[in-house]
Amino acid sequence: MRIELRICVGAALFLGIVDLIYWFTSNDDTGTACLLFGFFAYALIGSFVFLQWRRRKGIPRPEDRDDAEISDGAGEIGFFPAASIWPPGIGIGAIFLAVGLIYGVWYLFIGGVFMIGSLIGFIVEAEAREEGPDDPGPPLAGAPGPEVPSNAGLPGPAH
């Protein structure tokens, strides 16, 4: 996360310095505001990266180590539903919210219902995934383990 943090902090500092110079040398409020929003955007991303680094207690990721192998970064990243109806619902809600900013409150209400309903559906779908052979879920307490066949009494090479 060192590289990401350096990029975000560097871009935020650059935009902050350029914003101050631009503010003093011009009378343009729009450009000053745009540079200021760019500064805050990079500062927000940089603070998120910094907090993630602190949460990991400074443990370097495989991307941060020079001696890392590709296999060091392997593993489960997360579950993302492959085919879902909810992202189009979120998009329709966003369209109605944007139209509501232009034409009136009634569209904002429709867009809010679509957006909140679709977000809830998407979250519930991601949380209630079916457990398959790759993810059998946690073992039940007191349940017997899987039967392992033994070839102790069969003829053949001894292992």
C-alpha atoms as a PDB file:
ATOM      1  CA  MET A   1       0.000   0.000   0.000  1.00  0.00           C
ATOM      2  CA  ARG A   2       3.016   2.236   0.041  1.00  0.00           C
ATOM      3  CA  ILE A   3       2.787   3.015  -3.654  1.00  0.00           C
ATOM      4  CA  GLU A   4      -0.937   3.795  -3.556  1.00  0.00           C
ATOM      5  CA  LEU A   5      -0.465   6.007  -0.525  1.00  0.00           C
ATOM      6  CA  ARG A   6       2.415   7.893  -2.159  1.00  0.00           C
ATOM      7  CA  ILE A   7       0.408   8.453  -5.345  1.00  0.00           C
ATOM      8  CA  CYS A   8      -2.661   9.748  -3.487  1.00  0.00           C
ATOM      9  CA  VAL A   9      -0.745  11.968  -1.074  1.00  0.00           C
ATOM     10  CA  GLY A  10       1.462  13.298  -3.875  1.00  0.00           C
ATOM     11  CA  ALA A  11      -1.516  14.120  -6.090  1.00  0.00           C
ATOM     12  CA  ALA A  12      -3.363  15.747  -3.177  1.00  0.00           C
ATOM     13  CA  LEU A  13      -0.347  17.889  -2.281  1.00  0.00           C
ATOM     14  CA  PHE A  14       0.179  18.857  -5.912  1.00  0.00           C
ATOM     15  CA  LEU A  15      -3.457  19.876  -6.368  1.00  0.00           C
ATOM     16  CA  GLY A  16      -3.456  21.746  -3.048  1.00  0.00           C
ATOM     17  CA  ILE A  17      -0.347  23.753  -3.963  1.00  0.00           C
ATOM     18  CA  VAL A  18      -1.599  24.456  -7.488  1.00  0.00           C
ATOM     19  CA  ASP A  19      -4.977  25.490  -6.038  1.00  0.00           C
ATOM     20  CA  LEU A  20      -3.350  28.011  -3.709  1.00  0.00           C
ATOM     21  CA  ILE A  21      -1.216  29.467  -6.503  1.00  0.00           C
ATOM     22  CA  TYR A  22      -4.217  29.568  -8.851  1.00  0.00           C
ATOM     23  CA  TRP A  23      -6.367  31.256  -6.212  1.00  0.00           C
ATOM     24  CA  PHE A  24      -3.816  34.014  -5.594  1.00  0.00           C
ATOM     25  CA  THR A  25      -2.978  34.629  -9.262  1.00  0.00           C
ATOM     26  CA  SER A  26      -6.463  34.516 -10.800  1.00  0.00           C
ATOM     27  CA  ASN A  27      -9.945  35.714 -10.028  1.00  0.00           C
ATOM     28  CA  ASP A  28     -11.554  32.512 -11.248  1.00  0.00           C
ATOM     29  CA  ASP A  29     -13.769  30.902  -8.627  1.00  0.00           C
ATOM     30  CA  THR A  30     -14.700  27.904 -10.790  1.00  0.00           C
ATOM     31  CA  GLY A  31     -11.146  26.733 -11.406  1.00  0.00           C
ATOM     32  CA  THR A  32     -10.259  27.234  -7.757  1.00  0.00           C
ATOM     33  CA  ALA A  33     -13.253  25.149  -6.669  1.00  0.00           C
ATOM     34  CA  CYS A  34     -12.433  22.375  -9.171  1.00  0.00           C
ATOM     35  CA  LEU A  35      -8.841  22.154  -7.977  1.00  0.00           C
ATOM     36  CA  LEU A  36     -10.031  22.162  -4.365  1.00  0.00           C
ATOM     37  CA  PHE A  37     -12.469  19.300  -5.042  1.00  0.00           C
ATOM     38  CA  GLY A  38      -9.661  17.365  -6.760  1.00  0.00           C
ATOM     39  CA  PHE A  39      -7.483  17.908  -3.683  1.00  0.00           C
ATOM     40  CA  PHE A  40     -10.239  16.614  -1.396  1.00  0.00           C
ATOM     41  CA  ALA A  41     -10.918  13.601  -3.652  1.00  0.00           C
ATOM     42  CA  TYR A  42      -7.289  12.460  -3.565  1.00  0.00           C
ATOM     43  CA  ALA A  43      -7.068  13.219   0.160  1.00  0.00           C
ATOM     44  CA  LEU A  44     -10.142  11.044   0.757  1.00  0.00           C
ATOM     45  CA  ILE A  45      -8.707   8.124  -1.211  1.00  0.00           C
ATOM     46  CA  GLY A  46      -5.334   8.549   0.490  1.00  0.00           C
ATOM     47  CA  SER A  47      -6.899   8.564   3.945  1.00  0.00           C
ATOM     48  CA  PHE A  48      -8.801   5.362   3.087  1.00  0.00           C
ATOM     49  CA  VAL A  49      -5.587   3.668   1.952  1.00  0.00           C
ATOM     50  CA  PHE A  50      -3.801   4.867   5.094  1.00  0.00           C
ATOM     51  CA  LEU A  51      -6.573   3.512   7.338  1.00  0.00           C
ATOM     52  CA  GLN A  52      -6.448   0.153   5.542  1.00  0.00           C
ATOM     53  CA  TRP A  53      -2.710   0.032   6.106  1.00  0.00           C
ATOM     54  CA  ARG A  54      -3.207   0.840   9.803  1.00  0.00           C
ATOM     55  CA  ARG A  55      -5.909  -1.832  10.077  1.00  0.00           C
ATOM     56  CA  ARG A  56      -3.447  -4.391   8.765  1.00  0.00           C
ATOM     57  CA  LYS A  57      -0.915  -3.125  11.354  1.00  0.00           C
ATOM     58  CA  GLY A  58       1.696  -2.409   8.718  1.00  0.00           C
ATOM     59  CA  ILE A  59       1.823  -5.998   7.418  1.00  0.00           C
ATOM     60  CA  PRO A  60       3.057  -5.714   3.832  1.00  0.00           C
ATOM     61  CA  ARG A  61       0.952  -7.191   1.049  1.00  0.00           C
ATOM     62  CA  PRO A  62       2.571  -9.371  -1.618  1.00  0.00           C
ATOM     63  CA  GLU A  63       2.359  -6.364  -3.967  1.00  0.00           C
ATOM     64  CA  ASP A  64       4.554  -4.360  -1.598  1.00  0.00           C
ATOM     65  CA  ARG A  65       7.361  -6.919  -1.295  1.00  0.00           C
ATOM     66  CA  ASP A  66      10.147  -7.163  -3.842  1.00  0.00           C
ATOM     67  CA  ASP A  67      10.706 -10.896  -3.176  1.00  0.00           C
ATOM     68  CA  ALA A  68       7.048 -11.926  -3.535  1.00  0.00           C
ATOM     69  CA  GLU A  69       5.869 -14.672  -5.882  1.00  0.00           C
ATOM     70  CA  ILE A  70       2.629 -14.668  -7.844  1.00  0.00           C
ATOM     71  CA  SER A  71       1.339 -17.528  -5.693  1.00  0.00           C
ATOM     72  CA  ASP A  72       1.687 -15.366  -2.557  1.00  0.00           C
ATOM     73  CA  GLY A  73      -1.333 -13.342  -3.625  1.00  0.00           C
ATOM     74  CA  ALA A  74      -3.526 -16.368  -4.369  1.00  0.00           C
ATOM     75  CA  GLY A  75      -6.597 -17.081  -2.316  1.00  0.00           C
ATOM     76  CA  GLU A  76     -10.242 -16.210  -2.017  1.00  0.00           C
ATOM     77  CA  ILE A  77     -10.957 -12.551  -2.595  1.00  0.00           C
ATOM     78  CA  GLY A  78     -14.692 -12.590  -2.020  1.00  0.00           C
ATOM     79  CA  PHE A  79     -18.023 -13.648  -3.444  1.00  0.00           C
ATOM     80  CA  PHE A  80     -19.571 -11.662  -6.237  1.00  0.00           C
ATOM     81  CA  PRO A  81     -22.853 -12.868  -7.773  1.00  0.00           C
ATOM     82  CA  ALA A  82     -22.291 -13.705 -11.421  1.00  0.00           C
ATOM     83  CA  ALA A  83     -25.739 -12.953 -12.814  1.00  0.00           C
ATOM     84  CA  SER A  84     -28.023 -10.654 -10.890  1.00  0.00           C
ATOM     85  CA  ILE A  85     -31.071  -8.525 -11.610  1.00  0.00           C
ATOM     86  CA  TRP A  86     -30.152  -5.902  -9.008  1.00  0.00           C
ATOM     87  CA  PRO A  87     -27.486  -3.839 -10.838  1.00  0.00           C
ATOM     88  CA  PRO A  88     -29.969  -2.787 -13.556  1.00  0.00           C
ATOM     89  CA  GLY A  89     -32.375  -1.805 -10.773  1.00  0.00           C
ATOM     90  CA  ILE A  90     -29.666   0.332  -9.200  1.00  0.00           C
ATOM     91  CA  GLY A  91     -29.047   1.920 -12.614  1.00  0.00           C
ATOM     92  CA  ILE A  92     -32.745   2.664 -13.127  1.00  0.00           C
ATOM     93  CA  GLY A  93     -32.872   4.209  -9.656  1.00  0.00           C
ATOM     94  CA  ALA A  94     -29.866   6.396 -10.467  1.00  0.00           C
ATOM     95  CA  ILE A  95     -31.515   7.541 -13.719  1.00  0.00           C
ATOM     96  CA  PHE A  96     -34.718   8.491 -11.899  1.00  0.00           C
ATOM     97  CA  LEU A  97     -32.712  10.306  -9.215  1.00  0.00           C
ATOM     98  CA  ALA A  98     -30.901  12.319 -11.904  1.00  0.00           C
ATOM     99  CA  VAL A  99     -34.157  13.093 -13.701  1.00  0.00           C
ATOM    100  CA  GLY A 100     -35.671  14.081 -10.357  1.00  0.00           C
ATOM    101  CA  LEU A 101     -33.007  16.744  -9.904  1.00  0.00           C
ATOM    102  CA  ILE A 102     -34.254  18.327 -13.141  1.00  0.00           C
ATOM    103  CA  TYR A 103     -38.008  17.740 -13.203  1.00  0.00           C
ATOM    104  CA  GLY A 104     -39.164  17.430  -9.612  1.00  0.00           C
ATOM    105  CA  VAL A 105     -39.544  15.638  -6.348  1.00  0.00           C
ATOM    106  CA  TRP A 106     -41.855  12.935  -7.677  1.00  0.00           C
ATOM    107  CA  TYR A 107     -39.002  11.380  -9.705  1.00  0.00           C
ATOM    108  CA  LEU A 108     -36.702  11.591  -6.694  1.00  0.00           C
ATOM    109  CA  PHE A 109     -39.171   9.484  -4.730  1.00  0.00           C
ATOM    110  CA  ILE A 110     -39.406   6.861  -7.505  1.00  0.00           C
ATOM    111  CA  GLY A 111     -35.616   6.783  -7.906  1.00  0.00           C
ATOM    112  CA  GLY A 112     -35.104   6.475  -4.157  1.00  0.00           C
ATOM    113  CA  VAL A 113     -37.470   3.506  -3.969  1.00  0.00           C
ATOM    114  CA  PHE A 114     -35.714   1.784  -6.898  1.00  0.00           C
ATOM    115  CA  MET A 115     -32.250   2.557  -5.550  1.00  0.00           C
ATOM    116  CA  ILE A 116     -32.855   1.502  -1.939  1.00  0.00           C
ATOM    117  CA  GLY A 117     -34.838  -1.606  -2.928  1.00  0.00           C
ATOM    118  CA  SER A 118     -32.193  -2.718  -5.417  1.00  0.00           C
ATOM    119  CA  LEU A 119     -29.350  -2.086  -2.995  1.00  0.00           C
ATOM    120  CA  ILE A 120     -31.094  -4.122  -0.306  1.00  0.00           C
ATOM    121  CA  GLY A 121     -31.754  -6.938  -2.788  1.00  0.00           C
ATOM    122  CA  PHE A 122     -28.152  -6.926  -3.984  1.00  0.00           C
ATOM    123  CA  ILE A 123     -26.791  -7.045  -0.430  1.00  0.00           C
ATOM    124  CA  VAL A 124     -29.170  -9.834   0.599  1.00  0.00           C
ATOM    125  CA  GLU A 125     -28.281 -11.815  -2.517  1.00  0.00           C
ATOM    126  CA  ALA A 126     -24.565 -11.520  -1.811  1.00  0.00           C
ATOM    127  CA  GLU A 127     -25.011 -12.535   1.825  1.00  0.00           C
ATOM    128  CA  ALA A 128     -27.329 -15.497   1.140  1.00  0.00           C
ATOM    129  CA  ARG A 129     -25.173 -17.341  -1.339  1.00  0.00           C
ATOM    130  CA  GLU A 130     -25.622 -21.040  -1.833  1.00  0.00           C
ATOM    131  CA  GLU A 131     -22.875 -23.200  -0.461  1.00  0.00           C
ATOM    132  CA  GLY A 132     -21.391 -25.441  -3.098  1.00  0.00           C
ATOM    133  CA  PRO A 133     -18.655 -28.068  -3.205  1.00  0.00           C
ATOM    134  CA  ASP A 134     -15.950 -25.398  -3.083  1.00  0.00           C
ATOM    135  CA  ASP A 135     -17.418 -23.852   0.060  1.00  0.00           C
ATOM    136  CA  PRO A 136     -19.158 -26.458   2.215  1.00  0.00           C
ATOM    137  CA  GLY A 137     -19.659 -24.008   5.061  1.00  0.00           C
ATOM    138  CA  PRO A 138     -18.732 -24.402   8.700  1.00  0.00           C
ATOM    139  CA  PRO A 139     -18.840 -27.919  10.170  1.00  0.00           C
ATOM    140  CA  LEU A 140     -21.728 -28.710  12.455  1.00  0.00           C
ATOM    141  CA  ALA A 141     -20.948 -29.298  16.123  1.00  0.00           C
ATOM    142  CA  GLY A 142     -20.876 -33.014  16.920  1.00  0.00           C
ATOM    143  CA  ALA A 143     -21.319 -34.067  13.302  1.00  0.00           C
ATOM    144  CA  PRO A 144     -19.139 -36.941  12.129  1.00  0.00           C
ATOM    145  CA  GLY A 145     -16.427 -36.146   9.638  1.00  0.00           C
ATOM    146  CA  PRO A 146     -16.331 -37.469   6.096  1.00  0.00           C
ATOM    147  CA  GLU A 147     -15.829 -41.187   5.677  1.00  0.00           C
ATOM    148  CA  VAL A 148     -12.330 -41.981   4.422  1.00  0.00           C
ATOM    149  CA  PRO A 149     -12.178 -45.357   2.649  1.00  0.00           C
ATOM    150  CA  SER A 150      -9.445 -47.662   3.782  1.00  0.00           C
ATOM    151  CA  ASN A 151      -7.794 -50.283   1.600  1.00  0.00           C
ATOM    152  CA  ALA A 152      -6.162 -52.107   4.510  1.00  0.00           C
ATOM    153  CA  GLY A 153      -7.776 -55.504   3.786  1.00  0.00           C
ATOM    154  CA  LEU A 154      -7.504 -55.334  -0.017  1.00  0.00           C
ATOM    155  CA  PRO A 155      -4.739 -56.933  -2.028  1.00  0.00           C
ATOM    156  CA  GLY A 156      -2.320 -54.610  -3.690  1.00  0.00           C
ATOM    157  CA  PRO A 157       0.787 -52.594  -2.965  1.00  0.00           C
ATOM    158  CA  ALA A 158       1.233 -51.506   0.609  1.00  0.00           C
ATOM    159  CA  HIS A 159       1.365 -47.774   1.181  1.00  0.00           C
END
